[in-house]
PDB file of N, CA and C in Angstrom:
ATOM      1  N   UNK A   1       0.830  -1.235   0.015  1.00  0.00           N
ATOM      2  CA  UNK A   1       0.006   0.020  -0.036  1.00  0.00           C
ATOM      3  C   UNK A   1       0.870   1.194   0.008  1.00  0.00           C
ATOM      4  N   UNK A   2       1.916   1.203   0.767  1.00  0.00           N
ATOM      5  CA  UNK A   2       2.831   2.419   0.858  1.00  0.00           C
ATOM      6  C   UNK A   2       3.435   2.681  -0.522  1.00  0.00           C
ATOM      7  N   UNK A   3       3.825   1.655  -1.237  1.00  0.00           N
ATOM      8  CA  UNK A   3       4.476   1.788  -2.561  1.00  0.00           C
ATOM      9  C   UNK A   3       3.440   2.409  -3.485  1.00  0.00           C
ATOM     10  N   UNK A   4       2.167   1.989  -3.479  1.00  0.00           N
ATOM     11  CA  UNK A   4       1.218   2.529  -4.349  1.00  0.00           C
ATOM     12  C   UNK A   4       0.921   3.984  -4.079  1.00  0.00           C
ATOM     13  N   UNK A   5       0.948   4.343  -2.824  1.00  0.00           N
ATOM     14  CA  UNK A   5       0.671   5.723  -2.448  1.00  0.00           C
ATOM     15  C   UNK A   5       1.877   6.639  -2.812  1.00  0.00           C
ATOM     16  N   UNK A   6       3.084   6.124  -2.657  1.00  0.00           N
ATOM     17  CA  UNK A   6       4.288   6.859  -3.048  1.00  0.00           C
ATOM     18  C   UNK A   6       4.293   7.019  -4.639  1.00  0.00           C
ATOM     19  N   UNK A   7       3.900   6.034  -5.393  1.00  0.00           N
ATOM     20  CA  UNK A   7       3.829   6.130  -6.828  1.00  0.00           C
ATOM     21  C   UNK A   7       2.786   7.143  -7.233  1.00  0.00           C
ATOM     22  N   UNK A   8       1.667   7.130  -6.596  1.00  0.00           N
ATOM     23  CA  UNK A   8       0.601   8.072  -6.915  1.00  0.00           C
ATOM     24  C   UNK A   8       1.045   9.423  -6.602  1.00  0.00           C
ATOM     25  N   UNK A   9       1.794   9.662  -5.467  1.00  0.00           N
ATOM     26  CA  UNK A   9       2.326  11.003  -5.139  1.00  0.00           C
ATOM     27  C   UNK A   9       3.302  11.466  -6.180  1.00  0.00           C
ATOM     28  N   UNK A  10       4.221  10.607  -6.619  1.00  0.00           N
ATOM     29  CA  UNK A  10       5.157  11.018  -7.613  1.00  0.00           C
ATOM     30  C   UNK A  10       4.514  11.398  -8.855  1.00  0.00           C
ATOM     31  N   UNK A  11       3.502  10.659  -9.303  1.00  0.00           N
ATOM     32  CA  UNK A  11       2.748  10.973 -10.564  1.00  0.00           C
ATOM     33  C   UNK A  11       2.047  12.305 -10.353  1.00  0.00           C
ATOM     34  N   UNK A  12       1.372  12.464  -9.317  1.00  0.00           N
ATOM     35  CA  UNK A  12       0.646  13.732  -9.071  1.00  0.00           C
ATOM     36  C   UNK A  12       1.560  14.940  -9.068  1.00  0.00           C
ATOM     37  N   UNK A  13       2.722  14.843  -8.372  1.00  0.00           N
ATOM     38  CA  UNK A  13       3.691  15.876  -8.363  1.00  0.00           C
ATOM     39  C   UNK A  13       4.214  16.167  -9.768  1.00  0.00           C
ATOM     40  N   UNK A  14       4.585  15.117 -10.497  1.00  0.00           N
ATOM     41  CA  UNK A  14       5.211  15.252 -11.791  1.00  0.00           C
ATOM     42  C   UNK A  14       4.208  16.008 -12.720  1.00  0.00           C
ATOM     43  N   UNK A  15       2.884  15.717 -12.557  1.00  0.00           N
ATOM     44  CA  UNK A  15       1.988  16.429 -13.432  1.00  0.00           C
ATOM     45  C   UNK A  15       1.730  17.912 -13.088  1.00  0.00           C
ATOM     46  N   UNK A  16       2.274  18.382 -12.004  1.00  0.00           N
ATOM     47  CA  UNK A  16       2.132  19.724 -11.593  1.00  0.00           C
ATOM     48  C   UNK A  16       3.397  20.538 -11.732  1.00  0.00           C
ATOM     49  N   UNK A  17       4.399  20.040 -12.471  1.00  0.00           N
ATOM     50  CA  UNK A  17       5.705  20.785 -12.556  1.00  0.00           C
ATOM     51  C   UNK A  17       5.481  22.007 -13.476  1.00  0.00           C
ATOM     52  N   UNK A  18       6.404  22.953 -13.257  1.00  0.00           N
ATOM     53  CA  UNK A  18       6.347  24.224 -14.050  1.00  0.00           C
ATOM     54  C   UNK A  18       7.725  24.782 -14.029  1.00  0.00           C
ATOM     55  N   UNK A  19       7.936  25.834 -14.797  1.00  0.00           N
ATOM     56  CA  UNK A  19       9.280  26.517 -14.896  1.00  0.00           C
ATOM     57  C   UNK A  19       9.130  27.870 -14.183  1.00  0.00           C
ATOM     58  N   UNK A  20      10.208  28.290 -13.554  1.00  0.00           N
ATOM     59  CA  UNK A  20      10.217  29.571 -12.883  1.00  0.00           C
ATOM     60  C   UNK A  20      11.433  30.344 -13.341  1.00  0.00           C
ATOM     61  N   UNK A  21      11.286  31.626 -13.707  1.00  0.00           N
ATOM     62  CA  UNK A  21      12.462  32.386 -14.103  1.00  0.00           C
ATOM     63  C   UNK A  21      12.779  33.379 -13.050  1.00  0.00           C
ATOM     64  N   UNK A  22      14.039  33.403 -12.682  1.00  0.00           N
ATOM     65  CA  UNK A  22      14.484  34.361 -11.593  1.00  0.00           C
ATOM     66  C   UNK A  22      15.882  34.805 -12.073  1.00  0.00           C
ATOM     67  N   UNK A  23      16.136  36.184 -12.025  1.00  0.00           N
ATOM     68  CA  UNK A  23      17.374  36.739 -12.364  1.00  0.00           C
ATOM     69  C   UNK A  23      17.885  36.275 -13.759  1.00  0.00           C
ATOM     70  N   UNK A  24      16.831  36.206 -14.731  1.00  0.00           N
ATOM     71  CA  UNK A  24      17.190  35.858 -16.064  1.00  0.00           C
ATOM     72  C   UNK A  24      17.523  34.390 -16.336  1.00  0.00           C
ATOM     73  N   UNK A  25      17.478  33.542 -15.256  1.00  0.00           N
ATOM     74  CA  UNK A  25      17.826  32.168 -15.411  1.00  0.00           C
ATOM     75  C   UNK A  25      16.540  31.267 -15.214  1.00  0.00           C
ATOM     76  N   UNK A  26      16.473  30.234 -16.011  1.00  0.00           N
ATOM     77  CA  UNK A  26      15.364  29.370 -15.892  1.00  0.00           C
ATOM     78  C   UNK A  26      15.829  28.200 -14.914  1.00  0.00           C
ATOM     79  N   UNK A  27      14.974  27.930 -13.968  1.00  0.00           N
ATOM     80  CA  UNK A  27      15.295  26.814 -13.049  1.00  0.00           C
ATOM     81  C   UNK A  27      14.041  25.946 -12.907  1.00  0.00           C
ATOM     82  N   UNK A  28      14.304  24.677 -12.892  1.00  0.00           N
ATOM     83  CA  UNK A  28      13.180  23.688 -12.782  1.00  0.00           C
ATOM     84  C   UNK A  28      12.566  23.743 -11.366  1.00  0.00           C
ATOM     85  N   UNK A  29      11.308  23.829 -11.248  1.00  0.00           N
ATOM     86  CA  UNK A  29      10.591  23.879  -9.881  1.00  0.00           C
ATOM     87  C   UNK A  29       9.322  23.036  -9.977  1.00  0.00           C
ATOM     88  N   UNK A  30       8.859  22.680  -8.807  1.00  0.00           N
ATOM     89  CA  UNK A  30       7.647  21.940  -8.688  1.00  0.00           C
ATOM     90  C   UNK A  30       6.665  22.824  -7.955  1.00  0.00           C
ATOM     91  N   UNK A  31       5.350  22.676  -8.377  1.00  0.00           N
ATOM     92  CA  UNK A  31       4.267  23.378  -7.685  1.00  0.00           C
ATOM     93  C   UNK A  31       3.649  22.406  -6.725  1.00  0.00           C
ATOM     94  N   UNK A  32       3.506  22.843  -5.498  1.00  0.00           N
ATOM     95  CA  UNK A  32       2.726  22.109  -4.458  1.00  0.00           C
ATOM     96  C   UNK A  32       1.536  23.015  -4.131  1.00  0.00           C
ATOM     97  N   UNK A  33       0.384  22.503  -4.169  1.00  0.00           N
ATOM     98  CA  UNK A  33      -0.900  23.386  -4.028  1.00  0.00           C
ATOM     99  C   UNK A  33      -0.877  24.101  -2.683  1.00  0.00           C
ATOM    100  N   UNK A  34      -0.177  23.602  -1.753  1.00  0.00           N
ATOM    101  CA  UNK A  34      -0.266  24.294  -0.405  1.00  0.00           C
ATOM    102  C   UNK A  34       1.005  25.131  -0.125  1.00  0.00           C
ATOM    103  N   UNK A  35       1.939  25.117  -1.004  1.00  0.00           N
ATOM    104  CA  UNK A  35       3.180  25.906  -0.827  1.00  0.00           C
ATOM    105  C   UNK A  35       3.495  26.722  -2.064  1.00  0.00           C
ATOM    106  N   UNK A  36       4.406  27.715  -1.921  1.00  0.00           N
ATOM    107  CA  UNK A  36       4.872  28.383  -3.152  1.00  0.00           C
ATOM    108  C   UNK A  36       5.761  27.406  -3.914  1.00  0.00           C
ATOM    109  N   UNK A  37       6.133  27.791  -5.088  1.00  0.00           N
ATOM    110  CA  UNK A  37       6.974  26.967  -5.887  1.00  0.00           C
ATOM    111  C   UNK A  37       8.301  26.596  -5.123  1.00  0.00           C
ATOM    112  N   UNK A  38       8.683  25.308  -5.274  1.00  0.00           N
ATOM    113  CA  UNK A  38       9.894  24.915  -4.655  1.00  0.00           C
ATOM    114  C   UNK A  38      10.785  24.267  -5.679  1.00  0.00           C
ATOM    115  N   UNK A  39      12.115  24.366  -5.524  1.00  0.00           N
ATOM    116  CA  UNK A  39      12.964  23.769  -6.541  1.00  0.00           C
ATOM    117  C   UNK A  39      12.697  22.289  -6.761  1.00  0.00           C
ATOM    118  N   UNK A  40      12.878  21.848  -7.941  1.00  0.00           N
ATOM    119  CA  UNK A  40      12.640  20.468  -8.371  1.00  0.00           C
ATOM    120  C   UNK A  40      13.445  19.520  -7.500  1.00  0.00           C
ATOM    121  N   UNK A  41      14.720  19.941  -7.259  1.00  0.00           N
ATOM    122  CA  UNK A  41      15.609  19.050  -6.471  1.00  0.00           C
ATOM    123  C   UNK A  41      15.152  18.853  -5.066  1.00  0.00           C
ATOM    124  N   UNK A  42      14.490  19.871  -4.478  1.00  0.00           N
ATOM    125  CA  UNK A  42      13.889  19.738  -3.157  1.00  0.00           C
ATOM    126  C   UNK A  42      12.739  18.807  -3.212  1.00  0.00           C
ATOM    127  N   UNK A  43      11.931  18.882  -4.235  1.00  0.00           N
ATOM    128  CA  UNK A  43      10.853  17.946  -4.450  1.00  0.00           C
ATOM    129  C   UNK A  43      11.394  16.521  -4.552  1.00  0.00           C
ATOM    130  N   UNK A  44      12.478  16.297  -5.212  1.00  0.00           N
ATOM    131  CA  UNK A  44      13.133  15.000  -5.298  1.00  0.00           C
ATOM    132  C   UNK A  44      13.415  14.463  -3.911  1.00  0.00           C
ATOM    133  N   UNK A  45      14.012  15.389  -3.044  1.00  0.00           N
ATOM    134  CA  UNK A  45      14.285  14.955  -1.676  1.00  0.00           C
ATOM    135  C   UNK A  45      13.069  14.459  -1.000  1.00  0.00           C
ATOM    136  N   UNK A  46      11.980  15.290  -1.133  1.00  0.00           N
ATOM    137  CA  UNK A  46      10.674  14.947  -0.491  1.00  0.00           C
ATOM    138  C   UNK A  46      10.180  13.594  -0.973  1.00  0.00           C
ATOM    139  N   UNK A  47      10.307  13.327  -2.320  1.00  0.00           N
ATOM    140  CA  UNK A  47       9.831  12.054  -2.878  1.00  0.00           C
ATOM    141  C   UNK A  47      10.701  10.896  -2.256  1.00  0.00           C
ATOM    142  N   UNK A  48      12.014  11.140  -2.160  1.00  0.00           N
ATOM    143  CA  UNK A  48      12.852  10.097  -1.591  1.00  0.00           C
ATOM    144  C   UNK A  48      12.519   9.852  -0.140  1.00  0.00           C
ATOM    145  N   UNK A  49      12.357  10.821   0.669  1.00  0.00           N
ATOM    146  CA  UNK A  49      12.036  10.624   2.058  1.00  0.00           C
ATOM    147  C   UNK A  49      10.723   9.968   2.273  1.00  0.00           C
ATOM    148  N   UNK A  50       9.697  10.368   1.423  1.00  0.00           N
ATOM    149  CA  UNK A  50       8.366   9.786   1.506  1.00  0.00           C
ATOM    150  C   UNK A  50       8.327   8.253   1.065  1.00  0.00           C
ATOM    151  N   UNK A  51       9.270   7.835   0.248  1.00  0.00           N
ATOM    152  CA  UNK A  51       9.303   6.435  -0.142  1.00  0.00           C
ATOM    153  C   UNK A  51      10.141   5.696   0.792  1.00  0.00           C
ATOM    154  N   UNK A  52      10.878   6.250   1.694  1.00  0.00           N
ATOM    155  CA  UNK A  52      11.702   5.504   2.692  1.00  0.00           C
ATOM    156  C   UNK A  52      10.825   5.175   3.940  1.00  0.00           C
ATOM    157  N   UNK A  53      11.276   4.323   4.706  1.00  0.00           N
ATOM    158  CA  UNK A  53      10.637   4.013   5.974  1.00  0.00           C
ATOM    159  C   UNK A  53      10.557   5.281   6.856  1.00  0.00           C
ATOM    160  N   UNK A  54       9.498   5.441   7.526  1.00  0.00           N
ATOM    161  CA  UNK A  54       9.362   6.692   8.410  1.00  0.00           C
ATOM    162  C   UNK A  54      10.424   6.731   9.479  1.00  0.00           C
ATOM    163  N   UNK A  55      10.954   7.896   9.733  1.00  0.00           N
ATOM    164  CA  UNK A  55      12.011   8.039  10.734  1.00  0.00           C
ATOM    165  C   UNK A  55      11.414   8.588  12.067  1.00  0.00           C
ATOM    166  N   UNK A  56      12.192   8.355  13.083  1.00  0.00           N
ATOM    167  CA  UNK A  56      11.776   8.866  14.405  1.00  0.00           C
ATOM    168  C   UNK A  56      12.922   9.722  14.950  1.00  0.00           C
ATOM    169  N   UNK A  57      12.832  10.985  15.038  1.00  0.00           N
ATOM    170  CA  UNK A  57      11.648  11.854  14.782  1.00  0.00           C
ATOM    171  C   UNK A  57      11.441  11.933  13.245  1.00  0.00           C
ATOM    172  N   UNK A  58      10.202  12.342  12.902  1.00  0.00           N
ATOM    173  CA  UNK A  58       9.837  12.475  11.443  1.00  0.00           C
ATOM    174  C   UNK A  58      10.774  13.458  10.702  1.00  0.00           C
ATOM    175  N   UNK A  59      11.057  13.184   9.463  1.00  0.00           N
ATOM    176  CA  UNK A  59      11.874  14.088   8.711  1.00  0.00           C
ATOM    177  C   UNK A  59      11.137  15.347   8.365  1.00  0.00           C
ATOM    178  N   UNK A  60      11.884  16.469   8.261  1.00  0.00           N
ATOM    179  CA  UNK A  60      11.302  17.784   7.868  1.00  0.00           C
ATOM    180  C   UNK A  60      12.250  18.527   6.939  1.00  0.00           C
ATOM    181  N   UNK A  61      11.700  19.302   6.063  1.00  0.00           N
ATOM    182  CA  UNK A  61      12.513  20.191   5.218  1.00  0.00           C
ATOM    183  C   UNK A  61      11.987  21.640   5.549  1.00  0.00           C
ATOM    184  N   UNK A  62      12.949  22.540   5.912  1.00  0.00           N
ATOM    185  CA  UNK A  62      12.494  23.870   6.347  1.00  0.00           C
ATOM    186  C   UNK A  62      13.356  24.852   5.456  1.00  0.00           C
ATOM    187  N   UNK A  63      12.666  25.838   4.969  1.00  0.00           N
ATOM    188  CA  UNK A  63      13.286  26.860   4.138  1.00  0.00           C
ATOM    189  C   UNK A  63      13.635  28.013   5.039  1.00  0.00           C
ATOM    190  N   UNK A  64      14.857  28.566   4.844  1.00  0.00           N
ATOM    191  CA  UNK A  64      15.325  29.750   5.564  1.00  0.00           C
ATOM    192  C   UNK A  64      15.988  30.687   4.616  1.00  0.00           C
ATOM    193  N   UNK A  65      16.172  31.892   5.111  1.00  0.00           N
ATOM    194  CA  UNK A  65      17.099  32.773   4.470  1.00  0.00           C
ATOM    195  C   UNK A  65      18.320  32.848   5.338  1.00  0.00           C
ATOM    196  N   UNK A  66      19.416  32.631   4.683  1.00  0.00           N
ATOM    197  CA  UNK A  66      20.745  32.545   5.462  1.00  0.00           C
ATOM    198  C   UNK A  66      21.776  33.325   4.568  1.00  0.00           C
ATOM    199  N   UNK A  67      22.449  34.283   5.124  1.00  0.00           N
ATOM    200  CA  UNK A  67      23.418  35.076   4.428  1.00  0.00           C
ATOM    201  C   UNK A  67      22.847  35.597   3.132  1.00  0.00           C
ATOM    202  N   UNK A  68      21.568  36.030   3.166  1.00  0.00           N
ATOM    203  CA  UNK A  68      20.940  36.649   1.947  1.00  0.00           C
ATOM    204  C   UNK A  68      20.487  35.689   0.930  1.00  0.00           C
ATOM    205  N   UNK A  69      20.575  34.353   1.151  1.00  0.00           N
ATOM    206  CA  UNK A  69      20.168  33.370   0.166  1.00  0.00           C
ATOM    207  C   UNK A  69      19.176  32.427   0.714  1.00  0.00           C
ATOM    208  N   UNK A  70      18.378  31.833  -0.156  1.00  0.00           N
ATOM    209  CA  UNK A  70      17.422  30.774   0.239  1.00  0.00           C
ATOM    210  C   UNK A  70      18.194  29.489   0.402  1.00  0.00           C
ATOM    211  N   UNK A  71      17.913  28.817   1.612  1.00  0.00           N
ATOM    212  CA  UNK A  71      18.523  27.513   1.880  1.00  0.00           C
ATOM    213  C   UNK A  71      17.462  26.583   2.408  1.00  0.00           C
ATOM    214  N   UNK A  72      17.756  25.369   2.355  1.00  0.00           N
ATOM    215  CA  UNK A  72      16.885  24.287   2.759  1.00  0.00           C
ATOM    216  C   UNK A  72      17.549  23.397   3.773  1.00  0.00           C
ATOM    217  N   UNK A  73      16.967  23.378   5.011  1.00  0.00           N
ATOM    218  CA  UNK A  73      17.512  22.634   6.059  1.00  0.00           C
ATOM    219  C   UNK A  73      16.694  21.350   6.227  1.00  0.00           C
ATOM    220  N   UNK A  74      17.417  20.193   6.210  1.00  0.00           N
ATOM    221  CA  UNK A  74      16.850  18.907   6.257  1.00  0.00           C
ATOM    222  C   UNK A  74      17.296  18.265   7.628  1.00  0.00           C
ATOM    223  N   UNK A  75      16.209  17.928   8.457  1.00  0.00           N
ATOM    224  CA  UNK A  75      16.534  17.287   9.677  1.00  0.00           C
ATOM    225  C   UNK A  75      17.151  15.956   9.600  1.00  0.00           C
ATOM    226  N   UNK A  76      17.868  15.509  10.527  1.00  0.00           N
ATOM    227  CA  UNK A  76      18.523  14.242  10.470  1.00  0.00           C
ATOM    228  C   UNK A  76      17.517  13.096  10.648  1.00  0.00           C
ATOM    229  N   UNK A  77      17.839  11.854  10.125  1.00  0.00           N
ATOM    230  CA  UNK A  77      16.814  10.789  10.282  1.00  0.00           C
ATOM    231  C   UNK A  77      16.823  10.235  11.714  1.00  0.00           C
ATOM    232  N   UNK A  78      17.832  10.460  12.486  1.00  0.00           N
ATOM    233  CA  UNK A  78      17.804   9.931  13.839  1.00  0.00           C
ATOM    234  C   UNK A  78      18.990  10.547  14.639  1.00  0.00           C
ATOM    235  N   UNK A  79      19.097  10.109  15.838  1.00  0.00           N
ATOM    236  CA  UNK A  79      20.121  10.591  16.768  1.00  0.00           C
ATOM    237  C   UNK A  79      21.541  10.380  16.193  1.00  0.00           C
ATOM    238  N   UNK A  80      22.416  11.332  16.527  1.00  0.00           N
ATOM    239  CA  UNK A  80      23.852  11.350  16.145  1.00  0.00           C
ATOM    240  C   UNK A  80      24.136  11.373  14.666  1.00  0.00           C
ATOM    241  N   UNK A  81      23.116  11.675  13.890  1.00  0.00           N
ATOM    242  CA  UNK A  81      23.409  11.962  12.421  1.00  0.00           C
ATOM    243  C   UNK A  81      23.441  13.426  12.233  1.00  0.00           C
ATOM    244  N   UNK A  82      24.033  13.869  11.189  1.00  0.00           N
ATOM    245  CA  UNK A  82      24.160  15.362  10.823  1.00  0.00           C
ATOM    246  C   UNK A  82      22.815  15.752  10.185  1.00  0.00           C
ATOM    247  N   UNK A  83      22.405  17.006  10.406  1.00  0.00           N
ATOM    248  CA  UNK A  83      21.395  17.608   9.563  1.00  0.00           C
ATOM    249  C   UNK A  83      22.117  18.037   8.316  1.00  0.00           C
ATOM    250  N   UNK A  84      21.375  18.341   7.259  1.00  0.00           N
ATOM    251  CA  UNK A  84      21.963  18.822   6.048  1.00  0.00           C
ATOM    252  C   UNK A  84      21.320  20.226   5.652  1.00  0.00           C
ATOM    253  N   UNK A  85      22.213  21.087   5.117  1.00  0.00           N
ATOM    254  CA  UNK A  85      21.821  22.376   4.664  1.00  0.00           C
ATOM    255  C   UNK A  85      22.161  22.505   3.161  1.00  0.00           C
ATOM    256  N   UNK A  86      21.150  22.773   2.320  1.00  0.00           N
ATOM    257  CA  UNK A  86      21.325  22.830   0.898  1.00  0.00           C
ATOM    258  C   UNK A  86      21.035  24.245   0.389  1.00  0.00           C
ATOM    259  N   UNK A  87      21.737  24.570  -0.616  1.00  0.00           N
ATOM    260  CA  UNK A  87      21.361  25.910  -1.269  1.00  0.00           C
ATOM    261  C   UNK A  87      20.125  25.683  -2.176  1.00  0.00           C
ATOM    262  N   UNK A  88      19.694  26.679  -2.897  1.00  0.00           N
ATOM    263  CA  UNK A  88      18.473  26.544  -3.629  1.00  0.00           C
ATOM    264  C   UNK A  88      18.548  25.661  -4.896  1.00  0.00           C
ATOM    265  N   UNK A  89      19.766  25.221  -5.233  1.00  0.00           N
ATOM    266  CA  UNK A  89      19.928  24.246  -6.276  1.00  0.00           C
ATOM    267  C   UNK A  89      20.327  22.869  -5.750  1.00  0.00           C
ATOM    268  N   UNK A  90      20.088  22.644  -4.418  1.00  0.00           N
ATOM    269  CA  UNK A  90      20.474  21.415  -3.713  1.00  0.00           C
ATOM    270  C   UNK A  90      21.865  21.029  -3.671  1.00  0.00           C
ATOM    271  N   UNK A  91      22.761  22.054  -3.723  1.00  0.00           N
ATOM    272  CA  UNK A  91      24.199  21.764  -3.450  1.00  0.00           C
ATOM    273  C   UNK A  91      24.267  21.706  -1.925  1.00  0.00           C
ATOM    274  N   UNK A  92      24.901  20.707  -1.377  1.00  0.00           N
ATOM    275  CA  UNK A  92      25.098  20.665   0.062  1.00  0.00           C
ATOM    276  C   UNK A  92      26.061  21.638   0.534  1.00  0.00           C
ATOM    277  N   UNK A  93      25.673  22.545   1.351  1.00  0.00           N
ATOM    278  CA  UNK A  93      26.482  23.552   1.969  1.00  0.00           C
ATOM    279  C   UNK A  93      27.236  23.049   3.189  1.00  0.00           C
ATOM    280  N   UNK A  94      26.609  22.267   3.922  1.00  0.00           N
ATOM    281  CA  UNK A  94      27.234  21.643   5.094  1.00  0.00           C
ATOM    282  C   UNK A  94      26.191  21.080   6.079  1.00  0.00           C
ATOM    283  N   UNK A  95      26.654  20.868   7.320  1.00  0.00           N
ATOM    284  CA  UNK A  95      25.851  20.231   8.338  1.00  0.00           C
ATOM    285  C   UNK A  95      25.873  21.116   9.574  1.00  0.00           C
ATOM    286  N   UNK A  96      24.804  22.021   9.757  1.00  0.00           N
ATOM    287  CA  UNK A  96      24.856  22.952  10.852  1.00  0.00           C
ATOM    288  C   UNK A  96      24.742  22.303  12.212  1.00  0.00           C
ATOM    289  N   UNK A  97      24.166  21.173  12.362  1.00  0.00           N
ATOM    290  CA  UNK A  97      24.067  20.563  13.689  1.00  0.00           C
ATOM    291  C   UNK A  97      23.965  19.089  13.544  1.00  0.00           C
ATOM    292  N   UNK A  98      23.846  18.361  14.720  1.00  0.00           N
ATOM    293  CA  UNK A  98      23.766  16.964  14.741  1.00  0.00           C
ATOM    294  C   UNK A  98      25.187  16.438  14.894  1.00  0.00           C
ATOM    295  N   UNK A  99      25.237  15.024  14.791  1.00  0.00           N
ATOM    296  CA  UNK A  99      26.425  14.350  15.012  1.00  0.00           C
ATOM    297  C   UNK A  99      26.627  14.056  16.419  1.00  0.00           C
ATOM    298  N   UNK A 100      27.739  13.437  16.740  1.00  0.00           N
ATOM    299  CA  UNK A 100      27.997  13.116  18.121  1.00  0.00           C
ATOM    300  C   UNK A 100      28.138  14.325  19.122  1.00  0.00           C
ATOM    301  N   UNK A 101      28.680  15.340  18.633  1.00  0.00           N
ATOM    302  CA  UNK A 101      28.742  16.566  19.448  1.00  0.00           C
ATOM    303  C   UNK A 101      27.494  17.455  19.448  1.00  0.00           C
ATOM    304  N   UNK A 102      26.593  17.171  18.395  1.00  0.00           N
ATOM    305  CA  UNK A 102      25.504  18.071  18.283  1.00  0.00           C
ATOM    306  C   UNK A 102      25.736  19.364  17.525  1.00  0.00           C
ATOM    307  N   UNK A 103      27.024  19.643  17.191  1.00  0.00           N
ATOM    308  CA  UNK A 103      27.403  20.888  16.580  1.00  0.00           C
ATOM    309  C   UNK A 103      27.668  20.740  15.128  1.00  0.00           C
ATOM    310  N   UNK A 104      27.291  19.692  14.450  1.00  0.00           N
ATOM    311  CA  UNK A 104      27.443  19.481  13.033  1.00  0.00           C
ATOM    312  C   UNK A 104      28.876  19.299  12.617  1.00  0.00           C
ATOM    313  N   UNK A 105      29.225  19.826  11.503  1.00  0.00           N
ATOM    314  CA  UNK A 105      30.574  19.653  10.926  1.00  0.00           C
ATOM    315  C   UNK A 105      31.481  20.847  11.283  1.00  0.00           C
ATOM    316  N   UNK A 106      30.893  21.848  11.929  1.00  0.00           N
ATOM    317  CA  UNK A 106      31.672  23.065  12.368  1.00  0.00           C
ATOM    318  C   UNK A 106      31.786  24.064  11.312  1.00  0.00           C
ATOM    319  N   UNK A 107      31.286  23.834  10.089  1.00  0.00           N
ATOM    320  CA  UNK A 107      31.372  24.813   8.966  1.00  0.00           C
ATOM    321  C   UNK A 107      30.368  25.866   9.045  1.00  0.00           C
ATOM    322  N   UNK A 108      29.245  25.635   9.754  1.00  0.00           N
ATOM    323  CA  UNK A 108      28.103  26.548   9.766  1.00  0.00           C
ATOM    324  C   UNK A 108      27.774  26.935  11.219  1.00  0.00           C
ATOM    325  N   UNK A 109      28.746  27.227  12.024  1.00  0.00           N
ATOM    326  CA  UNK A 109      28.514  27.459  13.415  1.00  0.00           C
ATOM    327  C   UNK A 109      27.620  28.654  13.688  1.00  0.00           C
ATOM    328  N   UNK A 110      27.451  29.525  12.713  1.00  0.00           N
ATOM    329  CA  UNK A 110      26.585  30.714  12.925  1.00  0.00           C
ATOM    330  C   UNK A 110      25.171  30.559  12.284  1.00  0.00           C
ATOM    331  N   UNK A 111      24.881  29.400  11.846  1.00  0.00           N
ATOM    332  CA  UNK A 111      23.602  29.211  11.163  1.00  0.00           C
ATOM    333  C   UNK A 111      22.405  29.482  12.067  1.00  0.00           C
ATOM    334  N   UNK A 112      22.329  28.931  13.326  1.00  0.00           N
ATOM    335  CA  UNK A 112      21.259  29.164  14.096  1.00  0.00           C
ATOM    336  C   UNK A 112      21.068  30.620  14.486  1.00  0.00           C
ATOM    337  N   UNK A 113      22.178  31.403  14.631  1.00  0.00           N
ATOM    338  CA  UNK A 113      22.002  32.807  14.904  1.00  0.00           C
ATOM    339  C   UNK A 113      21.549  33.668  13.700  1.00  0.00           C
ATOM    340  N   UNK A 114      22.031  33.270  12.494  1.00  0.00           N
ATOM    341  CA  UNK A 114      21.799  34.076  11.294  1.00  0.00           C
ATOM    342  C   UNK A 114      20.592  33.652  10.480  1.00  0.00           C
ATOM    343  N   UNK A 115      20.040  32.481  10.695  1.00  0.00           N
ATOM    344  CA  UNK A 115      18.952  32.091   9.892  1.00  0.00           C
ATOM    345  C   UNK A 115      17.689  32.955  10.153  1.00  0.00           C
ATOM    346  N   UNK A 116      16.938  33.188   9.050  1.00  0.00           N
ATOM    347  CA  UNK A 116      15.664  34.066   9.146  1.00  0.00           C
ATOM    348  C   UNK A 116      14.612  33.482   8.283  1.00  0.00           C
ATOM    349  N   UNK A 117      13.429  33.884   8.595  1.00  0.00           N
ATOM    350  CA  UNK A 117      12.203  33.605   7.745  1.00  0.00           C
ATOM    351  C   UNK A 117      11.986  32.076   7.561  1.00  0.00           C
ATOM    352  N   UNK A 118      11.769  31.453   8.705  1.00  0.00           N
ATOM    353  CA  UNK A 118      11.492  29.993   8.671  1.00  0.00           C
ATOM    354  C   UNK A 118      10.144  29.645   8.024  1.00  0.00           C
ATOM    355  N   UNK A 119      10.243  28.666   7.092  1.00  0.00           N
ATOM    356  CA  UNK A 119       8.982  28.194   6.427  1.00  0.00           C
ATOM    357  C   UNK A 119       9.116  26.720   6.347  1.00  0.00           C
ATOM    358  N   UNK A 120       8.151  26.004   6.952  1.00  0.00           N
ATOM    359  CA  UNK A 120       8.137  24.510   6.879  1.00  0.00           C
ATOM    360  C   UNK A 120       7.725  24.123   5.446  1.00  0.00           C
ATOM    361  N   UNK A 121       8.551  23.507   4.694  1.00  0.00           N
ATOM    362  CA  UNK A 121       8.275  23.100   3.379  1.00  0.00           C
ATOM    363  C   UNK A 121       7.627  21.712   3.296  1.00  0.00           C
ATOM    364  N   UNK A 122       8.129  20.775   4.092  1.00  0.00           N
ATOM    365  CA  UNK A 122       7.537  19.462   4.167  1.00  0.00           C
ATOM    366  C   UNK A 122       7.863  18.810   5.472  1.00  0.00           C
ATOM    367  N   UNK A 123       6.885  18.043   5.879  1.00  0.00           N
ATOM    368  CA  UNK A 123       7.050  17.184   7.165  1.00  0.00           C
ATOM    369  C   UNK A 123       6.485  15.817   6.875  1.00  0.00           C
ATOM    370  N   UNK A 124       7.188  14.792   7.306  1.00  0.00           N
ATOM    371  CA  UNK A 124       6.527  13.449   7.144  1.00  0.00           C
ATOM    372  C   UNK A 124       5.500  13.257   8.210  1.00  0.00           C
ATOM    373  N   UNK A 125       4.290  13.249   7.769  1.00  0.00           N
ATOM    374  CA  UNK A 125       3.103  13.105   8.743  1.00  0.00           C
ATOM    375  C   UNK A 125       2.502  11.756   8.725  1.00  0.00           C
ATOM    376  N   UNK A 126       3.214  10.777   8.254  1.00  0.00           N
ATOM    377  CA  UNK A 126       2.657   9.432   8.175  1.00  0.00           C
ATOM    378  C   UNK A 126       2.526   8.855   9.637  1.00  0.00           C
ATOM    379  N   UNK A 127       1.585   8.101   9.843  1.00  0.00           N
ATOM    380  CA  UNK A 127       1.315   7.494  11.176  1.00  0.00           C
ATOM    381  C   UNK A 127       2.171   6.290  11.398  1.00  0.00           C
TER     382      UNK A 127
END
């Protein structure tokens, strides 16, 4: 049943794709009826997480503004794993927190102080 739901979700999402132009460049994005347009690569992350076994705590993707740019924070799947921070084209910037120390990889030690405009993009709400 989970596989059928995941396939239906992928088909539904694929049918609602569109293009968005920003700063003269075309980038592939997906339209979600409850959210503004999000990059296609972020939608691919959502599809991957939705097809995986549910994690505890549930996975989330949160959009922030950090150093004047849009970034996507992905919560870790479980304890002692790093969180991930991606730019708007899904290039991994680093790991702001998590791991054994809880401080990530040390490359983004100012992320929690400088992040702005939090928007929940996706949360795994499966029971």
